[in-house]
Amino acid sequence: MEATDRYIRETAGTGPASEADQLAKLSEVRARGDISEEEF
């Protein structure tokens, strides 16, 4: 069980990102030009 939990934590990351973190990542992706203004 501990090995499974450790694997899940490593694979999924630390946990769900907050809205602010998600918006910051979206802004970075838009700034790099990877997505358009409409996709943003």
PDB file of all heavy atoms in Angstrom:
ATOM      1  N   MET A   1       0.834  -1.207   0.000  1.00  0.00           N
ATOM      2  CA  MET A   1       0.000   0.000   0.000  1.00  0.00           C
ATOM      3  C   MET A   1       0.867   1.255   0.000  1.00  0.00           C
ATOM      4  O   MET A   1       0.593   2.209  -0.737  1.00  0.00           O
ATOM      5  CB  MET A   1      -0.926  -0.002   1.212  1.00  0.00           C
ATOM      6  CG  MET A   1      -1.827   1.202   1.278  1.00  0.00           C
ATOM      7  SD  MET A   1      -3.082   1.190   0.013  1.00  0.00           S
ATOM      8  CE  MET A   1      -4.291   0.195   0.806  1.00  0.00           C
ATOM      9  N   GLU A   2       1.922   1.261   0.807  1.00  0.00           N
ATOM     10  CA  GLU A   2       2.822   2.408   0.841  1.00  0.00           C
ATOM     11  C   GLU A   2       3.529   2.604  -0.492  1.00  0.00           C
ATOM     12  O   GLU A   2       3.682   3.734  -0.957  1.00  0.00           O
ATOM     13  CB  GLU A   2       3.839   2.250   1.967  1.00  0.00           C
ATOM     14  CG  GLU A   2       3.240   2.394   3.352  1.00  0.00           C
ATOM     15  CD  GLU A   2       4.206   1.998   4.463  1.00  0.00           C
ATOM     16  OE1 GLU A   2       5.362   1.624   4.152  1.00  0.00           O
ATOM     17  OE2 GLU A   2       3.791   2.051   5.627  1.00  0.00           O
ATOM     18  N   ALA A   3       3.939   1.516  -1.122  1.00  0.00           N
ATOM     19  CA  ALA A   3       4.587   1.620  -2.429  1.00  0.00           C
ATOM     20  C   ALA A   3       3.613   2.159  -3.469  1.00  0.00           C
ATOM     21  O   ALA A   3       3.993   2.998  -4.307  1.00  0.00           O
ATOM     22  CB  ALA A   3       5.138   0.264  -2.860  1.00  0.00           C
ATOM     23  N   THR A   4       2.375   1.702  -3.423  1.00  0.00           N
ATOM     24  CA  THR A   4       1.362   2.204  -4.355  1.00  0.00           C
ATOM     25  C   THR A   4       1.093   3.683  -4.125  1.00  0.00           C
ATOM     26  O   THR A   4       1.033   4.468  -5.083  1.00  0.00           O
ATOM     27  CB  THR A   4       0.054   1.399  -4.209  1.00  0.00           C
ATOM     28  OG1 THR A   4       0.328   0.024  -4.431  1.00  0.00           O
ATOM     29  CG2 THR A   4      -1.009   1.886  -5.171  1.00  0.00           C
ATOM     30  N   ASP A   5       0.947   4.075  -2.864  1.00  0.00           N
ATOM     31  CA  ASP A   5       0.718   5.491  -2.554  1.00  0.00           C
ATOM     32  C   ASP A   5       1.887   6.358  -3.000  1.00  0.00           C
ATOM     33  O   ASP A   5       1.690   7.448  -3.546  1.00  0.00           O
ATOM     34  CB  ASP A   5       0.479   5.678  -1.054  1.00  0.00           C
ATOM     35  CG  ASP A   5      -0.851   5.101  -0.600  1.00  0.00           C
ATOM     36  OD1 ASP A   5      -1.704   4.816  -1.465  1.00  0.00           O
ATOM     37  OD2 ASP A   5      -1.025   4.921   0.622  1.00  0.00           O
ATOM     38  N   ARG A   6       3.107   5.892  -2.770  1.00  0.00           N
ATOM     39  CA  ARG A   6       4.299   6.638  -3.180  1.00  0.00           C
ATOM     40  C   ARG A   6       4.338   6.786  -4.704  1.00  0.00           C
ATOM     41  O   ARG A   6       4.616   7.864  -5.227  1.00  0.00           O
ATOM     42  CB  ARG A   6       5.558   5.944  -2.673  1.00  0.00           C
ATOM     43  CG  ARG A   6       6.832   6.709  -2.923  1.00  0.00           C
ATOM     44  CD  ARG A   6       8.047   6.066  -2.280  1.00  0.00           C
ATOM     45  NE  ARG A   6       7.952   4.777  -2.262  1.00  0.00           N
ATOM     46  CZ  ARG A   6       7.945   3.655  -1.525  1.00  0.00           C
ATOM     47  NH1 ARG A   6       8.130   3.558  -0.837  1.00  0.00           N
ATOM     48  NH2 ARG A   6       7.780   2.485  -1.506  1.00  0.00           N
ATOM     49  N   TYR A   7       4.014   5.704  -5.412  1.00  0.00           N
ATOM     50  CA  TYR A   7       3.985   5.758  -6.875  1.00  0.00           C
ATOM     51  C   TYR A   7       2.934   6.748  -7.371  1.00  0.00           C
ATOM     52  O   TYR A   7       3.187   7.540  -8.276  1.00  0.00           O
ATOM     53  CB  TYR A   7       3.703   4.369  -7.449  1.00  0.00           C
ATOM     54  CG  TYR A   7       3.492   4.379  -8.934  1.00  0.00           C
ATOM     55  CD1 TYR A   7       4.562   4.513  -9.804  1.00  0.00           C
ATOM     56  CD2 TYR A   7       2.212   4.278  -9.471  1.00  0.00           C
ATOM     57  CE1 TYR A   7       4.372   4.533 -11.176  1.00  0.00           C
ATOM     58  CE2 TYR A   7       2.008   4.305 -10.835  1.00  0.00           C
ATOM     59  CZ  TYR A   7       3.092   4.434 -11.684  1.00  0.00           C
ATOM     60  OH  TYR A   7       2.886   4.467 -13.030  1.00  0.00           O
ATOM     61  N   ILE A   8       1.763   6.727  -6.751  1.00  0.00           N
ATOM     62  CA  ILE A   8       0.694   7.647  -7.155  1.00  0.00           C
ATOM     63  C   ILE A   8       1.110   9.083  -6.899  1.00  0.00           C
ATOM     64  O   ILE A   8       0.909   9.963  -7.751  1.00  0.00           O
ATOM     65  CB  ILE A   8      -0.627   7.302  -6.432  1.00  0.00           C
ATOM     66  CG1 ILE A   8      -1.175   5.979  -6.953  1.00  0.00           C
ATOM     67  CG2 ILE A   8      -1.660   8.406  -6.601  1.00  0.00           C
ATOM     68  CD1 ILE A   8      -2.339   5.432  -6.169  1.00  0.00           C
ATOM     69  N   ARG A   9       1.717   9.353  -5.730  1.00  0.00           N
ATOM     70  CA  ARG A   9       2.160  10.720  -5.427  1.00  0.00           C
ATOM     71  C   ARG A   9       3.223  11.185  -6.414  1.00  0.00           C
ATOM     72  O   ARG A   9       3.197  12.324  -6.867  1.00  0.00           O
ATOM     73  CB  ARG A   9       2.689  10.807  -4.000  1.00  0.00           C
ATOM     74  CG  ARG A   9       1.605  10.907  -2.944  1.00  0.00           C
ATOM     75  CD  ARG A   9       2.171  11.302  -1.594  1.00  0.00           C
ATOM     76  NE  ARG A   9       3.101  10.326  -1.058  1.00  0.00           N
ATOM     77  CZ  ARG A   9       2.761   9.242  -0.375  1.00  0.00           C
ATOM     78  NH1 ARG A   9       1.492   8.990  -0.152  1.00  0.00           N
ATOM     79  NH2 ARG A   9       3.667   8.412   0.080  1.00  0.00           N
ATOM     80  N   GLU A  10       4.172  10.302  -6.749  1.00  0.00           N
ATOM     81  CA  GLU A  10       5.228  10.676  -7.689  1.00  0.00           C
ATOM     82  C   GLU A  10       4.670  10.902  -9.084  1.00  0.00           C
ATOM     83  O   GLU A  10       5.106  11.806  -9.792  1.00  0.00           O
ATOM     84  CB  GLU A  10       6.300   9.587  -7.742  1.00  0.00           C
ATOM     85  CG  GLU A  10       7.131   9.488  -6.496  1.00  0.00           C
ATOM     86  CD  GLU A  10       8.045   8.274  -6.488  1.00  0.00           C
ATOM     87  OE1 GLU A  10       8.019   7.500  -7.470  1.00  0.00           O
ATOM     88  OE2 GLU A  10       8.779   8.099  -5.504  1.00  0.00           O
ATOM     89  N   THR A  11       3.728  10.077  -9.487  1.00  0.00           N
ATOM     90  CA  THR A  11       3.172  10.183 -10.830  1.00  0.00           C
ATOM     91  C   THR A  11       2.233  11.378 -10.967  1.00  0.00           C
ATOM     92  O   THR A  11       2.288  12.107 -11.956  1.00  0.00           O
ATOM     93  CB  THR A  11       2.401   8.899 -11.194  1.00  0.00           C
ATOM     94  OG1 THR A  11       3.283   7.792 -11.051  1.00  0.00           O
ATOM     95  CG2 THR A  11       1.901   8.941 -12.609  1.00  0.00           C
ATOM     96  N   ALA A  12       1.389  11.589  -9.979  1.00  0.00           N
ATOM     97  CA  ALA A  12       0.390  12.650 -10.068  1.00  0.00           C
ATOM     98  C   ALA A  12       0.944  14.009  -9.673  1.00  0.00           C
ATOM     99  O   ALA A  12       0.351  15.025  -9.994  1.00  0.00           O
ATOM    100  CB  ALA A  12      -0.799  12.308  -9.183  1.00  0.00           C
ATOM    101  N   GLY A  13       2.048  14.045  -8.996  1.00  0.00           N
ATOM    102  CA  GLY A  13       2.576  15.325  -8.519  1.00  0.00           C
ATOM    103  C   GLY A  13       2.143  15.556  -7.087  1.00  0.00           C
ATOM    104  O   GLY A  13       1.652  14.671  -6.407  1.00  0.00           O
ATOM    105  N   THR A  14       2.308  16.776  -6.637  1.00  0.00           N
ATOM    106  CA  THR A  14       2.021  17.078  -5.235  1.00  0.00           C
ATOM    107  C   THR A  14       0.537  17.175  -4.941  1.00  0.00           C
ATOM    108  O   THR A  14       0.115  16.980  -3.831  1.00  0.00           O
ATOM    109  CB  THR A  14       2.688  18.403  -4.830  1.00  0.00           C
ATOM    110  OG1 THR A  14       2.209  19.431  -5.712  1.00  0.00           O
ATOM    111  CG2 THR A  14       4.190  18.297  -4.915  1.00  0.00           C
ATOM    112  N   GLY A  15      -0.258  17.501  -5.921  1.00  0.00           N
ATOM    113  CA  GLY A  15      -1.689  17.606  -5.686  1.00  0.00           C
ATOM    114  C   GLY A  15      -2.301  18.539  -6.706  1.00  0.00           C
ATOM    115  O   GLY A  15      -1.621  19.047  -7.595  1.00  0.00           O
ATOM    116  N   PRO A  16      -3.580  18.816  -6.581  1.00  0.00           N
ATOM    117  CA  PRO A  16      -4.217  19.689  -7.542  1.00  0.00           C
ATOM    118  C   PRO A  16      -3.706  21.125  -7.416  1.00  0.00           C
ATOM    119  O   PRO A  16      -3.544  21.643  -6.321  1.00  0.00           O
ATOM    120  CB  PRO A  16      -5.702  19.591  -7.192  1.00  0.00           C
ATOM    121  CG  PRO A  16      -5.743  19.124  -5.788  1.00  0.00           C
ATOM    122  CD  PRO A  16      -4.497  18.317  -5.579  1.00  0.00           C
ATOM    123  N   ALA A  17      -3.430  21.713  -8.560  1.00  0.00           N
ATOM    124  CA  ALA A  17      -2.933  23.087  -8.563  1.00  0.00           C
ATOM    125  C   ALA A  17      -4.092  24.041  -8.310  1.00  0.00           C
ATOM    126  O   ALA A  17      -5.229  23.783  -8.683  1.00  0.00           O
ATOM    127  CB  ALA A  17      -2.271  23.396  -9.897  1.00  0.00           C
ATOM    128  N   SER A  18      -3.786  25.157  -7.686  1.00  0.00           N
ATOM    129  CA  SER A  18      -4.822  26.146  -7.436  1.00  0.00           C
ATOM    130  C   SER A  18      -5.160  26.866  -8.738  1.00  0.00           C
ATOM    131  O   SER A  18      -4.444  26.760  -9.738  1.00  0.00           O
ATOM    132  CB  SER A  18      -4.341  27.141  -6.381  1.00  0.00           C
ATOM    133  OG  SER A  18      -3.266  27.903  -6.920  1.00  0.00           O
ATOM    134  N   GLU A  19      -6.240  27.597  -8.709  1.00  0.00           N
ATOM    135  CA  GLU A  19      -6.645  28.342  -9.903  1.00  0.00           C
ATOM    136  C   GLU A  19      -5.575  29.340 -10.312  1.00  0.00           C
ATOM    137  O   GLU A  19      -5.307  29.518 -11.503  1.00  0.00           O
ATOM    138  CB  GLU A  19      -7.970  29.059  -9.645  1.00  0.00           C
ATOM    139  CG  GLU A  19      -9.156  28.134  -9.543  1.00  0.00           C
ATOM    140  CD  GLU A  19     -10.444  28.882  -9.240  1.00  0.00           C
ATOM    141  OE1 GLU A  19     -10.413  30.124  -9.112  1.00  0.00           O
ATOM    142  OE2 GLU A  19     -11.476  28.213  -9.140  1.00  0.00           O
ATOM    143  N   ALA A  20      -4.970  29.969  -9.316  1.00  0.00           N
ATOM    144  CA  ALA A  20      -3.938  30.966  -9.626  1.00  0.00           C
ATOM    145  C   ALA A  20      -2.740  30.307 -10.311  1.00  0.00           C
ATOM    146  O   ALA A  20      -2.186  30.862 -11.281  1.00  0.00           O
ATOM    147  CB  ALA A  20      -3.494  31.676  -8.350  1.00  0.00           C
ATOM    148  N   ASP A  21      -2.344  29.106  -9.835  1.00  0.00           N
ATOM    149  CA  ASP A  21      -1.227  28.401 -10.460  1.00  0.00           C
ATOM    150  C   ASP A  21      -1.564  28.002 -11.891  1.00  0.00           C
ATOM    151  O   ASP A  21      -0.736  28.133 -12.792  1.00  0.00           O
ATOM    152  CB  ASP A  21      -0.869  27.142  -9.657  1.00  0.00           C
ATOM    153  CG  ASP A  21      -0.279  27.460  -8.301  1.00  0.00           C
ATOM    154  OD1 ASP A  21       0.251  28.582  -8.131  1.00  0.00           O
ATOM    155  OD2 ASP A  21      -0.357  26.575  -7.418  1.00  0.00           O
ATOM    156  N   GLN A  22      -2.784  27.533 -12.097  1.00  0.00           N
ATOM    157  CA  GLN A  22      -3.193  27.132 -13.440  1.00  0.00           C
ATOM    158  C   GLN A  22      -3.231  28.335 -14.385  1.00  0.00           C
ATOM    159  O   GLN A  22      -2.795  28.242 -15.536  1.00  0.00           O
ATOM    160  CB  GLN A  22      -4.560  26.452 -13.391  1.00  0.00           C
ATOM    161  CG  GLN A  22      -4.538  25.091 -12.733  1.00  0.00           C
ATOM    162  CD  GLN A  22      -5.922  24.478 -12.625  1.00  0.00           C
ATOM    163  OE1 GLN A  22      -6.938  25.129 -12.898  1.00  0.00           O
ATOM    164  NE2 GLN A  22      -5.968  23.217 -12.213  1.00  0.00           N
ATOM    165  N   LEU A  23      -3.732  29.469 -13.887  1.00  0.00           N
ATOM    166  CA  LEU A  23      -3.770  30.668 -14.722  1.00  0.00           C
ATOM    167  C   LEU A  23      -2.365  31.162 -15.033  1.00  0.00           C
ATOM    168  O   LEU A  23      -2.102  31.633 -16.152  1.00  0.00           O
ATOM    169  CB  LEU A  23      -4.599  31.768 -14.046  1.00  0.00           C
ATOM    170  CG  LEU A  23      -6.101  31.510 -13.977  1.00  0.00           C
ATOM    171  CD1 LEU A  23      -6.803  32.581 -13.170  1.00  0.00           C
ATOM    172  CD2 LEU A  23      -6.691  31.409 -15.363  1.00  0.00           C
ATOM    173  N   ALA A  24      -1.453  31.067 -14.061  1.00  0.00           N
ATOM    174  CA  ALA A  24      -0.073  31.482 -14.302  1.00  0.00           C
ATOM    175  C   ALA A  24       0.577  30.611 -15.364  1.00  0.00           C
ATOM    176  O   ALA A  24       1.284  31.122 -16.252  1.00  0.00           O
ATOM    177  CB  ALA A  24       0.720  31.421 -13.001  1.00  0.00           C
ATOM    178  N   LYS A  25       0.333  29.321 -15.304  1.00  0.00           N
ATOM    179  CA  LYS A  25       0.884  28.422 -16.324  1.00  0.00           C
ATOM    180  C   LYS A  25       0.290  28.727 -17.698  1.00  0.00           C
ATOM    181  O   LYS A  25       1.000  28.703 -18.705  1.00  0.00           O
ATOM    182  CB  LYS A  25       0.633  26.963 -15.937  1.00  0.00           C
ATOM    183  CG  LYS A  25       1.478  26.487 -14.795  1.00  0.00           C
ATOM    184  CD  LYS A  25       1.180  25.048 -14.444  1.00  0.00           C
ATOM    185  CE  LYS A  25       1.992  24.608 -13.233  1.00  0.00           C
ATOM    186  NZ  LYS A  25       1.690  23.230 -12.845  1.00  0.00           N
ATOM    187  N   LEU A  26      -1.006  28.992 -17.730  1.00  0.00           N
ATOM    188  CA  LEU A  26      -1.644  29.346 -18.994  1.00  0.00           C
ATOM    189  C   LEU A  26      -1.035  30.626 -19.572  1.00  0.00           C
ATOM    190  O   LEU A  26      -0.804  30.734 -20.779  1.00  0.00           O
ATOM    191  CB  LEU A  26      -3.148  29.534 -18.805  1.00  0.00           C
ATOM    192  CG  LEU A  26      -4.002  28.280 -18.830  1.00  0.00           C
ATOM    193  CD1 LEU A  26      -5.447  28.597 -18.482  1.00  0.00           C
ATOM    194  CD2 LEU A  26      -3.923  27.589 -20.170  1.00  0.00           C
ATOM    195  N   SER A  27      -0.771  31.601 -18.722  1.00  0.00           N
ATOM    196  CA  SER A  27      -0.167  32.857 -19.183  1.00  0.00           C
ATOM    197  C   SER A  27       1.223  32.614 -19.747  1.00  0.00           C
ATOM    198  O   SER A  27       1.600  33.213 -20.771  1.00  0.00           O
ATOM    199  CB  SER A  27      -0.088  33.865 -18.039  1.00  0.00           C
ATOM    200  OG  SER A  27      -1.382  34.225 -17.632  1.00  0.00           O
ATOM    201  N   GLU A  28       1.992  31.741 -19.095  1.00  0.00           N
ATOM    202  CA  GLU A  28       3.329  31.420 -19.604  1.00  0.00           C
ATOM    203  C   GLU A  28       3.252  30.756 -20.969  1.00  0.00           C
ATOM    204  O   GLU A  28       4.031  31.067 -21.875  1.00  0.00           O
ATOM    205  CB  GLU A  28       4.062  30.494 -18.625  1.00  0.00           C
ATOM    206  CG  GLU A  28       4.475  31.133 -17.328  1.00  0.00           C
ATOM    207  CD  GLU A  28       5.065  30.130 -16.345  1.00  0.00           C
ATOM    208  OE1 GLU A  28       5.419  28.999 -16.769  1.00  0.00           O
ATOM    209  OE2 GLU A  28       5.156  30.459 -15.156  1.00  0.00           O
ATOM    210  N   VAL A  29       2.302  29.821 -21.116  1.00  0.00           N
ATOM    211  CA  VAL A  29       2.154  29.123 -22.396  1.00  0.00           C
ATOM    212  C   VAL A  29       1.746  30.121 -23.490  1.00  0.00           C
ATOM    213  O   VAL A  29       2.249  30.082 -24.610  1.00  0.00           O
ATOM    214  CB  VAL A  29       1.121  27.974 -22.261  1.00  0.00           C
ATOM    215  CG1 VAL A  29       0.776  27.387 -23.609  1.00  0.00           C
ATOM    216  CG2 VAL A  29       1.639  26.898 -21.319  1.00  0.00           C
ATOM    217  N   ARG A  30       0.856  31.045 -23.154  1.00  0.00           N
ATOM    218  CA  ARG A  30       0.432  32.071 -24.129  1.00  0.00           C
ATOM    219  C   ARG A  30       1.592  32.998 -24.471  1.00  0.00           C
ATOM    220  O   ARG A  30       1.787  33.358 -25.638  1.00  0.00           O
ATOM    221  CB  ARG A  30      -0.737  32.869 -23.578  1.00  0.00           C
ATOM    222  CG  ARG A  30      -1.237  33.933 -24.567  1.00  0.00           C
ATOM    223  CD  ARG A  30      -2.314  34.758 -23.985  1.00  0.00           C
ATOM    224  NE  ARG A  30      -1.773  35.480 -22.833  1.00  0.00           N
ATOM    225  CZ  ARG A  30      -2.383  36.449 -22.187  1.00  0.00           C
ATOM    226  NH1 ARG A  30      -3.592  36.809 -22.567  1.00  0.00           N
ATOM    227  NH2 ARG A  30      -1.846  37.046 -21.166  1.00  0.00           N
ATOM    228  N   ALA A  31       2.390  33.358 -23.443  1.00  0.00           N
ATOM    229  CA  ALA A  31       3.521  34.251 -23.683  1.00  0.00           C
ATOM    230  C   ALA A  31       4.555  33.602 -24.598  1.00  0.00           C
ATOM    231  O   ALA A  31       5.207  34.289 -25.400  1.00  0.00           O
ATOM    232  CB  ALA A  31       4.158  34.658 -22.357  1.00  0.00           C
ATOM    233  N   ARG A  32       4.723  32.299 -24.503  1.00  0.00           N
ATOM    234  CA  ARG A  32       5.667  31.599 -25.387  1.00  0.00           C
ATOM    235  C   ARG A  32       5.117  31.473 -26.796  1.00  0.00           C
ATOM    236  O   ARG A  32       5.855  31.160 -27.723  1.00  0.00           O
ATOM    237  CB  ARG A  32       5.964  30.196 -24.844  1.00  0.00           C
ATOM    238  CG  ARG A  32       6.862  30.171 -23.643  1.00  0.00           C
ATOM    239  CD  ARG A  32       7.349  28.754 -23.350  1.00  0.00           C
ATOM    240  NE  ARG A  32       6.269  27.786 -23.335  1.00  0.00           N
ATOM    241  CZ  ARG A  32       5.868  27.100 -22.267  1.00  0.00           C
ATOM    242  NH1 ARG A  32       6.478  27.277 -21.119  1.00  0.00           N
ATOM    243  NH2 ARG A  32       4.880  26.247 -22.347  1.00  0.00           N
ATOM    244  N   GLY A  33       3.827  31.668 -26.947  1.00  0.00           N
ATOM    245  CA  GLY A  33       3.211  31.568 -28.263  1.00  0.00           C
ATOM    246  C   GLY A  33       2.740  30.167 -28.597  1.00  0.00           C
ATOM    247  O   GLY A  33       2.439  29.880 -29.756  1.00  0.00           O
ATOM    248  N   ASP A  34       2.658  29.313 -27.601  1.00  0.00           N
ATOM    249  CA  ASP A  34       2.231  27.934 -27.856  1.00  0.00           C
ATOM    250  C   ASP A  34       0.722  27.834 -28.083  1.00  0.00           C
ATOM    251  O   ASP A  34       0.254  26.895 -28.721  1.00  0.00           O
ATOM    252  CB  ASP A  34       2.631  27.026 -26.692  1.00  0.00           C
ATOM    253  CG  ASP A  34       4.143  26.859 -26.598  1.00  0.00           C
ATOM    254  OD1 ASP A  34       4.822  27.103 -27.611  1.00  0.00           O
ATOM    255  OD2 ASP A  34       4.631  26.467 -25.512  1.00  0.00           O
ATOM    256  N   ILE A  35      -0.046  28.784 -27.516  1.00  0.00           N
ATOM    257  CA  ILE A  35      -1.494  28.795 -27.740  1.00  0.00           C
ATOM    258  C   ILE A  35      -1.901  30.196 -28.182  1.00  0.00           C
ATOM    259  O   ILE A  35      -1.239  31.192 -27.885  1.00  0.00           O
ATOM    260  CB  ILE A  35      -2.283  28.376 -26.469  1.00  0.00           C
ATOM    261  CG1 ILE A  35      -1.998  29.308 -25.299  1.00  0.00           C
ATOM    262  CG2 ILE A  35      -2.011  26.933 -26.116  1.00  0.00           C
ATOM    263  CD1 ILE A  35      -2.878  29.051 -24.086  1.00  0.00           C
ATOM    264  N   SER A  36      -3.020  30.235 -28.869  1.00  0.00           N
ATOM    265  CA  SER A  36      -3.525  31.530 -29.348  1.00  0.00           C
ATOM    266  C   SER A  36      -4.308  32.217 -28.234  1.00  0.00           C
ATOM    267  O   SER A  36      -4.587  31.633 -27.186  1.00  0.00           O
ATOM    268  CB  SER A  36      -4.414  31.321 -30.573  1.00  0.00           C
ATOM    269  OG  SER A  36      -5.592  30.633 -30.187  1.00  0.00           O
ATOM    270  N   GLU A  37      -4.695  33.472 -28.510  1.00  0.00           N
ATOM    271  CA  GLU A  37      -5.478  34.240 -27.539  1.00  0.00           C
ATOM    272  C   GLU A  37      -6.839  33.583 -27.304  1.00  0.00           C
ATOM    273  O   GLU A  37      -7.316  33.528 -26.169  1.00  0.00           O
ATOM    274  CB  GLU A  37      -5.654  35.675 -28.048  1.00  0.00           C
ATOM    275  CG  GLU A  37      -6.284  36.612 -27.046  1.00  0.00           C
ATOM    276  CD  GLU A  37      -5.409  36.849 -25.824  1.00  0.00           C
ATOM    277  OE1 GLU A  37      -4.171  36.863 -25.948  1.00  0.00           O
ATOM    278  OE2 GLU A  37      -5.981  36.990 -24.732  1.00  0.00           O
ATOM    279  N   GLU A  38      -7.438  33.045 -28.356  1.00  0.00           N
ATOM    280  CA  GLU A  38      -8.737  32.386 -28.235  1.00  0.00           C
ATOM    281  C   GLU A  38      -8.623  31.114 -27.392  1.00  0.00           C
ATOM    282  O   GLU A  38      -9.461  30.846 -26.524  1.00  0.00           O
ATOM    283  CB  GLU A  38      -9.288  32.054 -29.626  1.00  0.00           C
ATOM    284  CG  GLU A  38     -10.633  31.361 -29.624  1.00  0.00           C
ATOM    285  CD  GLU A  38     -11.742  32.194 -28.986  1.00  0.00           C
ATOM    286  OE1 GLU A  38     -11.700  33.434 -29.054  1.00  0.00           O
ATOM    287  OE2 GLU A  38     -12.643  31.576 -28.395  1.00  0.00           O
ATOM    288  N   GLU A  39      -7.579  30.303 -27.631  1.00  0.00           N
ATOM    289  CA  GLU A  39      -7.364  29.092 -26.823  1.00  0.00           C
ATOM    290  C   GLU A  39      -7.106  29.451 -25.365  1.00  0.00           C
ATOM    291  O   GLU A  39      -7.569  28.759 -24.455  1.00  0.00           O
ATOM    292  CB  GLU A  39      -6.186  28.291 -27.390  1.00  0.00           C
ATOM    293  CG  GLU A  39      -6.456  27.679 -28.747  1.00  0.00           C
ATOM    294  CD  GLU A  39      -5.205  27.084 -29.376  1.00  0.00           C
ATOM    295  OE1 GLU A  39      -4.099  27.610 -29.149  1.00  0.00           O
ATOM    296  OE2 GLU A  39      -5.357  26.068 -30.091  1.00  0.00           O
ATOM    297  N   PHE A  40      -6.391  30.561 -25.139  1.00  0.00           N
ATOM    298  CA  PHE A  40      -6.130  31.011 -23.767  1.00  0.00           C
ATOM    299  C   PHE A  40      -7.435  31.356 -23.072  1.00  0.00           C
ATOM    300  O   PHE A  40      -7.652  30.985 -21.921  1.00  0.00           O
ATOM    301  CB  PHE A  40      -5.189  32.221 -23.788  1.00  0.00           C
ATOM    302  CG  PHE A  40      -5.003  32.850 -22.433  1.00  0.00           C
ATOM    303  CD1 PHE A  40      -4.222  32.243 -21.473  1.00  0.00           C
ATOM    304  CD2 PHE A  40      -5.650  34.041 -22.115  1.00  0.00           C
ATOM    305  CE1 PHE A  40      -4.058  32.813 -20.221  1.00  0.00           C
ATOM    306  CE2 PHE A  40      -5.493  34.615 -20.869  1.00  0.00           C
ATOM    307  CZ  PHE A  40      -4.692  34.001 -19.922  1.00  0.00           C
TER     308      PHE A  40
END
